[in-house]
Amino acid sequence: MHVLVATDGNLDPEAVTGFTAPLAGPDGKVTVLTVIAIPRRLLSEMRGVFGERPAPDVDGDAEYVGMTTKSGAPPVGWPGDTEMIERYLSDKKQQRCAPLAEALEAAGVSVETNVMESEKISRTIIGEATRLGADLIVIGSHGEGRFEGRLGSTGSKIARHATTPLLLLRAK
């Protein structure tokens, strides 16, 4: 069995292992996924408030190679943005997924971890479960979005729209 565990960092590693290790079985697999929403527009607004980073040292006309806009500001998608976002995503993957992966591996389960960037977190989790052919999605009952009562807004959307079976675990 392939189990997809979607986490925002609030799942207890022992609880996840207690449920998913027996379900996955000795030949199964668990994918631990965290999805991060990064407001890209915020990056350009922060540059405006805190000042511009110096443009990369390039030969030739900076406008020709596409390193500035008409206002002289680095464009959205400036190389510094990508580097900063990749580092942030890597840090979040380590912070949110590693404790779960370590507990599952200690229980003898085959584990992969992944981080994805998306503004549509629930849709991304459902899509990844479908893409992976997951037999079960595991999420926390209380996450960062607490707008819809006992089940967070992301969890509520997954519960309503996922065609894959869903296991809700109480978040720590």
Foldseek 3Di string as FASTA:
>chain_A
DEEEEEEQQQADLVVCQVPVDVVQDLPGEYEYEYEAEDDLVVVQVVCVVVHADDFDDDPDDCVVVQQADPVRGGDRVHVVVVVVVVVVQVVSQCNRPVSNVVSNVVVNHHYHYYYHYDPLGLVVSLVVCVVVVGQEYEYEQDDPACPPDSRGPSRVVNVVDHPHHYDYHHTD
